[in-house]
Amino acid sequence: MEGAGRLKGRPEMRQQDVAECRAKPAAPVAEYAPFWKGYDMRKIVQFVKESYAELRKVVWPGRDDVISSVKVVIISTVIIAAVLGLIDLLLLLGIRALF
């Protein structure tokens, strides 16, 4: 009985191999693990310390720099709003003229 019990494209397994596979215990089912499992508290403390050290290196802008930046943002916002409003008005007048 050549080929009896044989799967397509797979070589035949010896009876001993089949018995060994069946004798192996199944992998344990993973239990619910909390998200912090596997984290080392020392790594978390080290991360916080390094983050704090990096924030101390930051050169924060002064009051005058912040005020000038806010002025630039407000002025550019007003200019862009005026240009878009003008374009909207022109398109509206054009559409009304056509219809």
PDB file of N, CA and C in Angstrom:
ATOM      1  N   MET A   1       0.835  -1.176   0.000  1.00  0.00           N
ATOM      2  CA  MET A   1       0.000   0.000   0.000  1.00  0.00           C
ATOM      3  C   MET A   1       0.875   1.232   0.000  1.00  0.00           C
ATOM      4  N   GLU A   2       1.459   1.433  -1.114  1.00  0.00           N
ATOM      5  CA  GLU A   2       2.331   2.583  -1.280  1.00  0.00           C
ATOM      6  C   GLU A   2       1.479   3.850  -1.290  1.00  0.00           C
ATOM      7  N   GLY A   3       1.807   4.786  -0.465  1.00  0.00           N
ATOM      8  CA  GLY A   3       1.112   6.066  -0.453  1.00  0.00           C
ATOM      9  C   GLY A   3      -0.106   6.089   0.441  1.00  0.00           C
ATOM     10  N   ALA A   4      -0.412   4.997   1.137  1.00  0.00           N
ATOM     11  CA  ALA A   4      -1.568   5.001   2.024  1.00  0.00           C
ATOM     12  C   ALA A   4      -1.278   5.889   3.225  1.00  0.00           C
ATOM     13  N   GLY A   5      -2.170   6.770   3.557  1.00  0.00           N
ATOM     14  CA  GLY A   5      -1.991   7.668   4.695  1.00  0.00           C
ATOM     15  C   GLY A   5      -1.007   8.798   4.407  1.00  0.00           C
ATOM     16  N   ARG A   6      -0.669   8.952   3.179  1.00  0.00           N
ATOM     17  CA  ARG A   6       0.312   9.966   2.796  1.00  0.00           C
ATOM     18  C   ARG A   6      -0.392  11.266   2.416  1.00  0.00           C
ATOM     19  N   LEU A   7       0.124  12.401   2.897  1.00  0.00           N
ATOM     20  CA  LEU A   7      -0.451  13.693   2.542  1.00  0.00           C
ATOM     21  C   LEU A   7       0.198  14.211   1.271  1.00  0.00           C
ATOM     22  N   LYS A   8      -0.521  15.008   0.532  1.00  0.00           N
ATOM     23  CA  LYS A   8       0.006  15.561  -0.708  1.00  0.00           C
ATOM     24  C   LYS A   8       1.219  16.445  -0.415  1.00  0.00           C
ATOM     25  N   GLY A   9       2.295  16.210  -1.129  1.00  0.00           N
ATOM     26  CA  GLY A   9       3.453  17.079  -1.034  1.00  0.00           C
ATOM     27  C   GLY A   9       4.262  16.906   0.240  1.00  0.00           C
ATOM     28  N   ARG A  10       3.925  15.928   1.090  1.00  0.00           N
ATOM     29  CA  ARG A  10       4.660  15.719   2.334  1.00  0.00           C
ATOM     30  C   ARG A  10       5.210  14.304   2.350  1.00  0.00           C
ATOM     31  N   PRO A  11       6.434  14.132   2.777  1.00  0.00           N
ATOM     32  CA  PRO A  11       6.972  12.777   2.842  1.00  0.00           C
ATOM     33  C   PRO A  11       6.265  11.986   3.938  1.00  0.00           C
ATOM     34  N   GLU A  12       6.297  10.686   3.793  1.00  0.00           N
ATOM     35  CA  GLU A  12       5.656   9.828   4.794  1.00  0.00           C
ATOM     36  C   GLU A  12       6.399   9.934   6.113  1.00  0.00           C
ATOM     37  N   MET A  13       5.675   9.926   7.193  1.00  0.00           N
ATOM     38  CA  MET A  13       6.281   9.933   8.513  1.00  0.00           C
ATOM     39  C   MET A  13       6.316   8.505   9.026  1.00  0.00           C
ATOM     40  N   ARG A  14       7.391   8.155   9.659  1.00  0.00           N
ATOM     41  CA  ARG A  14       7.478   6.822  10.237  1.00  0.00           C
ATOM     42  C   ARG A  14       6.559   6.755  11.449  1.00  0.00           C
ATOM     43  N   GLN A  15       6.136   5.591  11.793  1.00  0.00           N
ATOM     44  CA  GLN A  15       5.255   5.399  12.936  1.00  0.00           C
ATOM     45  C   GLN A  15       5.904   5.907  14.221  1.00  0.00           C
ATOM     46  N   GLN A  16       7.220   5.743  14.317  1.00  0.00           N
ATOM     47  CA  GLN A  16       7.934   6.206  15.507  1.00  0.00           C
ATOM     48  C   GLN A  16       7.864   7.725  15.612  1.00  0.00           C
ATOM     49  N   ASP A  17       8.031   8.437  14.474  1.00  0.00           N
ATOM     50  CA  ASP A  17       7.957   9.899  14.470  1.00  0.00           C
ATOM     51  C   ASP A  17       6.563  10.376  14.866  1.00  0.00           C
ATOM     52  N   VAL A  18       5.548   9.677  14.366  1.00  0.00           N
ATOM     53  CA  VAL A  18       4.176  10.050  14.698  1.00  0.00           C
ATOM     54  C   VAL A  18       3.933   9.862  16.181  1.00  0.00           C
ATOM     55  N   ALA A  19       4.414   8.775  16.730  1.00  0.00           N
ATOM     56  CA  ALA A  19       4.230   8.503  18.158  1.00  0.00           C
ATOM     57  C   ALA A  19       4.948   9.547  19.010  1.00  0.00           C
ATOM     58  N   GLU A  20       6.145   9.976  18.581  1.00  0.00           N
ATOM     59  CA  GLU A  20       6.885  10.996  19.333  1.00  0.00           C
ATOM     60  C   GLU A  20       6.138  12.327  19.322  1.00  0.00           C
ATOM     61  N   CYS A  21       5.574  12.693  18.191  1.00  0.00           N
ATOM     62  CA  CYS A  21       4.830  13.954  18.090  1.00  0.00           C
ATOM     63  C   CYS A  21       3.603  13.931  18.991  1.00  0.00           C
ATOM     64  N   ARG A  22       2.928  12.793  19.035  1.00  0.00           N
ATOM     65  CA  ARG A  22       1.733  12.695  19.854  1.00  0.00           C
ATOM     66  C   ARG A  22       2.074  12.648  21.340  1.00  0.00           C
ATOM     67  N   ALA A  23       3.268  12.146  21.663  1.00  0.00           N
ATOM     68  CA  ALA A  23       3.661  12.006  23.065  1.00  0.00           C
ATOM     69  C   ALA A  23       4.091  13.339  23.677  1.00  0.00           C
ATOM     70  N   LYS A  24       4.480  14.319  22.832  1.00  0.00           N
ATOM     71  CA  LYS A  24       4.927  15.609  23.359  1.00  0.00           C
ATOM     72  C   LYS A  24       3.738  16.358  23.948  1.00  0.00           C
ATOM     73  N   PRO A  25       3.931  16.945  25.116  1.00  0.00           N
ATOM     74  CA  PRO A  25       2.821  17.721  25.690  1.00  0.00           C
ATOM     75  C   PRO A  25       2.595  18.992  24.879  1.00  0.00           C
ATOM     76  N   ALA A  26       1.367  19.418  24.864  1.00  0.00           N
ATOM     77  CA  ALA A  26       1.020  20.642  24.143  1.00  0.00           C
ATOM     78  C   ALA A  26       1.626  21.836  24.850  1.00  0.00           C
ATOM     79  N   ALA A  27       1.868  22.880  24.114  1.00  0.00           N
ATOM     80  CA  ALA A  27       2.420  24.097  24.697  1.00  0.00           C
ATOM     81  C   ALA A  27       1.419  24.662  25.694  1.00  0.00           C
ATOM     82  N   PRO A  28       1.910  25.166  26.818  1.00  0.00           N
ATOM     83  CA  PRO A  28       0.981  25.717  27.807  1.00  0.00           C
ATOM     84  C   PRO A  28       0.250  26.936  27.255  1.00  0.00           C
ATOM     85  N   VAL A  29      -0.980  27.063  27.640  1.00  0.00           N
ATOM     86  CA  VAL A  29      -1.784  28.204  27.202  1.00  0.00           C
ATOM     87  C   VAL A  29      -1.326  29.427  27.980  1.00  0.00           C
ATOM     88  N   ALA A  30      -1.041  30.487  27.247  1.00  0.00           N
ATOM     89  CA  ALA A  30      -0.569  31.708  27.901  1.00  0.00           C
ATOM     90  C   ALA A  30      -1.687  32.309  28.728  1.00  0.00           C
ATOM     91  N   GLU A  31      -1.381  32.578  29.960  1.00  0.00           N
ATOM     92  CA  GLU A  31      -2.357  33.220  30.832  1.00  0.00           C
ATOM     93  C   GLU A  31      -2.317  34.723  30.607  1.00  0.00           C
ATOM     94  N   TYR A  32      -3.348  35.408  31.067  1.00  0.00           N
ATOM     95  CA  TYR A  32      -3.381  36.857  30.954  1.00  0.00           C
ATOM     96  C   TYR A  32      -2.233  37.440  31.752  1.00  0.00           C
ATOM     97  N   ALA A  33      -1.432  38.237  31.076  1.00  0.00           N
ATOM     98  CA  ALA A  33      -0.303  38.881  31.751  1.00  0.00           C
ATOM     99  C   ALA A  33      -0.570  40.376  31.799  1.00  0.00           C
ATOM    100  N   PRO A  34      -0.416  40.992  32.946  1.00  0.00           N
ATOM    101  CA  PRO A  34      -0.611  42.433  33.019  1.00  0.00           C
ATOM    102  C   PRO A  34       0.423  43.160  32.172  1.00  0.00           C
ATOM    103  N   PHE A  35       0.085  44.369  31.735  1.00  0.00           N
ATOM    104  CA  PHE A  35       0.955  45.093  30.820  1.00  0.00           C
ATOM    105  C   PHE A  35       2.316  45.398  31.416  1.00  0.00           C
ATOM    106  N   TRP A  36       2.419  45.461  32.739  1.00  0.00           N
ATOM    107  CA  TRP A  36       3.701  45.807  33.349  1.00  0.00           C
ATOM    108  C   TRP A  36       4.596  44.592  33.550  1.00  0.00           C
ATOM    109  N   LYS A  37       4.063  43.402  33.282  1.00  0.00           N
ATOM    110  CA  LYS A  37       4.883  42.216  33.470  1.00  0.00           C
ATOM    111  C   LYS A  37       6.004  42.231  32.440  1.00  0.00           C
ATOM    112  N   GLY A  38       7.191  42.018  32.880  1.00  0.00           N
ATOM    113  CA  GLY A  38       8.343  42.045  31.987  1.00  0.00           C
ATOM    114  C   GLY A  38       9.093  43.359  32.036  1.00  0.00           C
ATOM    115  N   TYR A  39       8.514  44.376  32.624  1.00  0.00           N
ATOM    116  CA  TYR A  39       9.205  45.648  32.764  1.00  0.00           C
ATOM    117  C   TYR A  39      10.018  45.617  34.045  1.00  0.00           C
ATOM    118  N   ASP A  40      11.207  46.110  33.965  1.00  0.00           N
ATOM    119  CA  ASP A  40      12.055  46.187  35.136  1.00  0.00           C
ATOM    120  C   ASP A  40      11.926  47.603  35.689  1.00  0.00           C
ATOM    121  N   MET A  41      11.622  47.722  36.968  1.00  0.00           N
ATOM    122  CA  MET A  41      11.396  49.033  37.579  1.00  0.00           C
ATOM    123  C   MET A  41      12.632  49.922  37.443  1.00  0.00           C
ATOM    124  N   ARG A  42      13.811  49.318  37.448  1.00  0.00           N
ATOM    125  CA  ARG A  42      15.040  50.113  37.309  1.00  0.00           C
ATOM    126  C   ARG A  42      15.092  50.803  35.954  1.00  0.00           C
ATOM    127  N   LYS A  43      14.600  50.124  34.918  1.00  0.00           N
ATOM    128  CA  LYS A  43      14.600  50.726  33.585  1.00  0.00           C
ATOM    129  C   LYS A  43      13.648  51.921  33.523  1.00  0.00           C
ATOM    130  N   ILE A  44      12.516  51.796  34.176  1.00  0.00           N
ATOM    131  CA  ILE A  44      11.548  52.890  34.183  1.00  0.00           C
ATOM    132  C   ILE A  44      12.115  54.096  34.923  1.00  0.00           C
ATOM    133  N   VAL A  45      12.736  53.856  36.081  1.00  0.00           N
ATOM    134  CA  VAL A  45      13.343  54.952  36.853  1.00  0.00           C
ATOM    135  C   VAL A  45      14.461  55.588  36.054  1.00  0.00           C
ATOM    136  N   GLN A  46      15.270  54.776  35.372  1.00  0.00           N
ATOM    137  CA  GLN A  46      16.363  55.312  34.559  1.00  0.00           C
ATOM    138  C   GLN A  46      15.805  56.176  33.423  1.00  0.00           C
ATOM    139  N   PHE A  47      14.721  55.725  32.793  1.00  0.00           N
ATOM    140  CA  PHE A  47      14.109  56.501  31.713  1.00  0.00           C
ATOM    141  C   PHE A  47      13.636  57.860  32.212  1.00  0.00           C
ATOM    142  N   VAL A  48      12.985  57.892  33.372  1.00  0.00           N
ATOM    143  CA  VAL A  48      12.485  59.153  33.926  1.00  0.00           C
ATOM    144  C   VAL A  48      13.656  60.091  34.241  1.00  0.00           C
ATOM    145  N   LYS A  49      14.721  59.561  34.821  1.00  0.00           N
ATOM    146  CA  LYS A  49      15.883  60.381  35.149  1.00  0.00           C
ATOM    147  C   LYS A  49      16.526  60.953  33.888  1.00  0.00           C
ATOM    148  N   GLU A  50      16.674  60.129  32.862  1.00  0.00           N
ATOM    149  CA  GLU A  50      17.271  60.593  31.613  1.00  0.00           C
ATOM    150  C   GLU A  50      16.383  61.616  30.923  1.00  0.00           C
ATOM    151  N   SER A  51      15.068  61.431  30.973  1.00  0.00           N
ATOM    152  CA  SER A  51      14.146  62.403  30.370  1.00  0.00           C
ATOM    153  C   SER A  51      14.256  63.747  31.074  1.00  0.00           C
ATOM    154  N   TYR A  52      14.327  63.715  32.400  1.00  0.00           N
ATOM    155  CA  TYR A  52      14.464  64.947  33.174  1.00  0.00           C
ATOM    156  C   TYR A  52      15.785  65.642  32.829  1.00  0.00           C
ATOM    157  N   ALA A  53      16.854  64.874  32.689  1.00  0.00           N
ATOM    158  CA  ALA A  53      18.162  65.455  32.342  1.00  0.00           C
ATOM    159  C   ALA A  53      18.118  66.092  30.959  1.00  0.00           C
ATOM    160  N   GLU A  54      17.427  65.456  30.009  1.00  0.00           N
ATOM    161  CA  GLU A  54      17.324  66.026  28.668  1.00  0.00           C
ATOM    162  C   GLU A  54      16.508  67.312  28.679  1.00  0.00           C
ATOM    163  N   LEU A  55      15.446  67.366  29.482  1.00  0.00           N
ATOM    164  CA  LEU A  55      14.628  68.578  29.546  1.00  0.00           C
ATOM    165  C   LEU A  55      15.406  69.743  30.149  1.00  0.00           C
ATOM    166  N   ARG A  56      16.360  69.450  31.011  1.00  0.00           N
ATOM    167  CA  ARG A  56      17.178  70.516  31.593  1.00  0.00           C
ATOM    168  C   ARG A  56      18.131  71.113  30.553  1.00  0.00           C
ATOM    169  N   LYS A  57      18.440  70.355  29.482  1.00  0.00           N
ATOM    170  CA  LYS A  57      19.329  70.828  28.428  1.00  0.00           C
ATOM    171  C   LYS A  57      18.617  71.732  27.417  1.00  0.00           C
ATOM    172  N   VAL A  58      17.294  71.706  27.418  1.00  0.00           N
ATOM    173  CA  VAL A  58      16.524  72.476  26.445  1.00  0.00           C
ATOM    174  C   VAL A  58      16.698  73.965  26.699  1.00  0.00           C
ATOM    175  N   VAL A  59      16.909  74.708  25.606  1.00  0.00           N
ATOM    176  CA  VAL A  59      16.995  76.163  25.710  1.00  0.00           C
ATOM    177  C   VAL A  59      15.603  76.701  25.429  1.00  0.00           C
ATOM    178  N   TRP A  60      14.917  77.120  26.494  1.00  0.00           N
ATOM    179  CA  TRP A  60      13.566  77.613  26.370  1.00  0.00           C
ATOM    180  C   TRP A  60      13.590  79.053  25.873  1.00  0.00           C
ATOM    181  N   PRO A  61      12.643  79.436  24.988  1.00  0.00           N
ATOM    182  CA  PRO A  61      12.631  80.804  24.465  1.00  0.00           C
ATOM    183  C   PRO A  61      12.247  81.802  25.556  1.00  0.00           C
ATOM    184  N   GLY A  62      12.765  83.008  25.405  1.00  0.00           N
ATOM    185  CA  GLY A  62      12.440  84.068  26.355  1.00  0.00           C
ATOM    186  C   GLY A  62      11.099  84.693  26.041  1.00  0.00           C
ATOM    187  N   ARG A  63      10.672  85.583  26.908  1.00  0.00           N
ATOM    188  CA  ARG A  63       9.368  86.223  26.760  1.00  0.00           C
ATOM    189  C   ARG A  63       9.276  87.010  25.458  1.00  0.00           C
ATOM    190  N   ASP A  64      10.339  87.752  25.117  1.00  0.00           N
ATOM    191  CA  ASP A  64      10.322  88.554  23.888  1.00  0.00           C
ATOM    192  C   ASP A  64      10.219  87.664  22.639  1.00  0.00           C
ATOM    193  N   ASP A  65      10.912  86.523  22.647  1.00  0.00           N
ATOM    194  CA  ASP A  65      10.846  85.612  21.505  1.00  0.00           C
ATOM    195  C   ASP A  65       9.437  85.056  21.326  1.00  0.00           C
ATOM    196  N   VAL A  66       8.797  84.697  22.434  1.00  0.00           N
ATOM    197  CA  VAL A  66       7.445  84.149  22.359  1.00  0.00           C
ATOM    198  C   VAL A  66       6.466  85.199  21.847  1.00  0.00           C
ATOM    199  N   ILE A  67       6.579  86.428  22.331  1.00  0.00           N
ATOM    200  CA  ILE A  67       5.673  87.507  21.900  1.00  0.00           C
ATOM    201  C   ILE A  67       5.843  87.795  20.417  1.00  0.00           C
ATOM    202  N   SER A  68       7.084  87.835  19.933  1.00  0.00           N
ATOM    203  CA  SER A  68       7.295  88.102  18.505  1.00  0.00           C
ATOM    204  C   SER A  68       6.771  86.950  17.651  1.00  0.00           C
ATOM    205  N   SER A  69       6.913  85.721  18.121  1.00  0.00           N
ATOM    206  CA  SER A  69       6.384  84.580  17.368  1.00  0.00           C
ATOM    207  C   SER A  69       4.860  84.612  17.314  1.00  0.00           C
ATOM    208  N   VAL A  70       4.225  84.978  18.405  1.00  0.00           N
ATOM    209  CA  VAL A  70       2.761  85.079  18.434  1.00  0.00           C
ATOM    210  C   VAL A  70       2.291  86.160  17.476  1.00  0.00           C
ATOM    211  N   LYS A  71       2.999  87.274  17.430  1.00  0.00           N
ATOM    212  CA  LYS A  71       2.633  88.356  16.504  1.00  0.00           C
ATOM    213  C   LYS A  71       2.715  87.877  15.057  1.00  0.00           C
ATOM    214  N   VAL A  72       3.772  87.142  14.712  1.00  0.00           N
ATOM    215  CA  VAL A  72       3.934  86.629  13.345  1.00  0.00           C
ATOM    216  C   VAL A  72       2.786  85.687  13.001  1.00  0.00           C
ATOM    217  N   VAL A  73       2.415  84.808  13.928  1.00  0.00           N
ATOM    218  CA  VAL A  73       1.338  83.849  13.676  1.00  0.00           C
ATOM    219  C   VAL A  73       0.012  84.566  13.488  1.00  0.00           C
ATOM    220  N   ILE A  74      -0.287  85.530  14.327  1.00  0.00           N
ATOM    221  CA  ILE A  74      -1.567  86.252  14.218  1.00  0.00           C
ATOM    222  C   ILE A  74      -1.642  87.040  12.920  1.00  0.00           C
ATOM    223  N   ILE A  75      -0.573  87.742  12.571  1.00  0.00           N
ATOM    224  CA  ILE A  75      -0.578  88.553  11.343  1.00  0.00           C
ATOM    225  C   ILE A  75      -0.703  87.655  10.113  1.00  0.00           C
ATOM    226  N   SER A  76       0.048  86.540  10.073  1.00  0.00           N
ATOM    227  CA  SER A  76      -0.042  85.655   8.909  1.00  0.00           C
ATOM    228  C   SER A  76      -1.414  84.997   8.819  1.00  0.00           C
ATOM    229  N   THR A  77      -2.025  84.693   9.949  1.00  0.00           N
ATOM    230  CA  THR A  77      -3.370  84.111   9.940  1.00  0.00           C
ATOM    231  C   THR A  77      -4.384  85.106   9.374  1.00  0.00           C
ATOM    232  N   VAL A  78      -4.292  86.356   9.765  1.00  0.00           N
ATOM    233  CA  VAL A  78      -5.215  87.380   9.264  1.00  0.00           C
ATOM    234  C   VAL A  78      -5.025  87.581   7.763  1.00  0.00           C
ATOM    235  N   ILE A  79      -3.775  87.615   7.300  1.00  0.00           N
ATOM    236  CA  ILE A  79      -3.512  87.815   5.869  1.00  0.00           C
ATOM    237  C   ILE A  79      -4.060  86.638   5.055  1.00  0.00           C
ATOM    238  N   ILE A  80      -3.811  85.426   5.500  1.00  0.00           N
ATOM    239  CA  ILE A  80      -4.296  84.250   4.763  1.00  0.00           C
ATOM    240  C   ILE A  80      -5.820  84.207   4.770  1.00  0.00           C
ATOM    241  N   ALA A  81      -6.444  84.556   5.901  1.00  0.00           N
ATOM    242  CA  ALA A  81      -7.907  84.588   5.957  1.00  0.00           C
ATOM    243  C   ALA A  81      -8.464  85.621   4.981  1.00  0.00           C
ATOM    244  N   ALA A  82      -7.827  86.778   4.864  1.00  0.00           N
ATOM    245  CA  ALA A  82      -8.291  87.813   3.942  1.00  0.00           C
ATOM    246  C   ALA A  82      -8.155  87.346   2.493  1.00  0.00           C
ATOM    247  N   VAL A  83      -7.041  86.700   2.164  1.00  0.00           N
ATOM    248  CA  VAL A  83      -6.840  86.219   0.786  1.00  0.00           C
ATOM    249  C   VAL A  83      -7.863  85.136   0.452  1.00  0.00           C
ATOM    250  N   LEU A  84      -8.066  84.189   1.359  1.00  0.00           N
ATOM    251  CA  LEU A  84      -9.056  83.145   1.092  1.00  0.00           C
ATOM    252  C   LEU A  84     -10.474  83.706   1.024  1.00  0.00           C
ATOM    253  N   GLY A  85     -10.781  84.685   1.844  1.00  0.00           N
ATOM    254  CA  GLY A  85     -12.092  85.332   1.776  1.00  0.00           C
ATOM    255  C   GLY A  85     -12.294  86.045   0.449  1.00  0.00           C
ATOM    256  N   LEU A  86     -11.254  86.707  -0.045  1.00  0.00           N
ATOM    257  CA  LEU A  86     -11.341  87.389  -1.340  1.00  0.00           C
ATOM    258  C   LEU A  86     -11.547  86.376  -2.471  1.00  0.00           C
ATOM    259  N   ILE A  87     -10.813  85.270  -2.432  1.00  0.00           N
ATOM    260  CA  ILE A  87     -10.986  84.228  -3.458  1.00  0.00           C
ATOM    261  C   ILE A  87     -12.407  83.658  -3.398  1.00  0.00           C
ATOM    262  N   ASP A  88     -12.924  83.427  -2.206  1.00  0.00           N
ATOM    263  CA  ASP A  88     -14.275  82.907  -2.041  1.00  0.00           C
ATOM    264  C   ASP A  88     -15.296  83.884  -2.603  1.00  0.00           C
ATOM    265  N   LEU A  89     -15.111  85.162  -2.332  1.00  0.00           N
ATOM    266  CA  LEU A  89     -16.025  86.190  -2.839  1.00  0.00           C
ATOM    267  C   LEU A  89     -16.006  86.238  -4.361  1.00  0.00           C
ATOM    268  N   LEU A  90     -14.802  86.174  -4.941  1.00  0.00           N
ATOM    269  CA  LEU A  90     -14.696  86.223  -6.409  1.00  0.00           C
ATOM    270  C   LEU A  90     -15.351  84.993  -7.042  1.00  0.00           C
ATOM    271  N   LEU A  91     -15.150  83.819  -6.458  1.00  0.00           N
ATOM    272  CA  LEU A  91     -15.793  82.616  -7.001  1.00  0.00           C
ATOM    273  C   LEU A  91     -17.308  82.699  -6.862  1.00  0.00           C
ATOM    274  N   LEU A  92     -17.790  83.223  -5.750  1.00  0.00           N
ATOM    275  CA  LEU A  92     -19.227  83.373  -5.542  1.00  0.00           C
ATOM    276  C   LEU A  92     -19.838  84.318  -6.572  1.00  0.00           C
ATOM    277  N   LEU A  93     -19.165  85.452  -6.798  1.00  0.00           N
ATOM    278  CA  LEU A  93     -19.667  86.405  -7.795  1.00  0.00           C
ATOM    279  C   LEU A  93     -19.629  85.804  -9.201  1.00  0.00           C
ATOM    280  N   GLY A  94     -18.582  85.004  -9.491  1.00  0.00           N
ATOM    281  CA  GLY A  94     -18.494  84.365 -10.805  1.00  0.00           C
ATOM    282  C   GLY A  94     -19.596  83.356 -11.017  1.00  0.00           C
ATOM    283  N   ILE A  95     -19.890  82.555 -10.014  1.00  0.00           N
ATOM    284  CA  ILE A  95     -20.942  81.540 -10.124  1.00  0.00           C
ATOM    285  C   ILE A  95     -22.314  82.210 -10.260  1.00  0.00           C
ATOM    286  N   ARG A  96     -22.539  83.276  -9.486  1.00  0.00           N
ATOM    287  CA  ARG A  96     -23.822  83.981  -9.591  1.00  0.00           C
ATOM    288  C   ARG A  96     -23.992  84.635 -10.962  1.00  0.00           C
ATOM    289  N   ALA A  97     -22.880  85.094 -11.548  1.00  0.00           N
ATOM    290  CA  ALA A  97     -22.954  85.713 -12.872  1.00  0.00           C
ATOM    291  C   ALA A  97     -23.307  84.663 -13.932  1.00  0.00           C
ATOM    292  N   LEU A  98     -22.819  83.433 -13.762  1.00  0.00           N
ATOM    293  CA  LEU A  98     -23.103  82.383 -14.728  1.00  0.00           C
ATOM    294  C   LEU A  98     -24.525  81.856 -14.614  1.00  0.00           C
ATOM    295  N   PHE A  99     -25.040  81.757 -13.416  1.00  0.00           N
ATOM    296  CA  PHE A  99     -26.359  81.148 -13.213  1.00  0.00           C
ATOM    297  C   PHE A  99     -27.312  82.204 -12.800  1.00  0.00           C
TER     298      PHE A  99
END
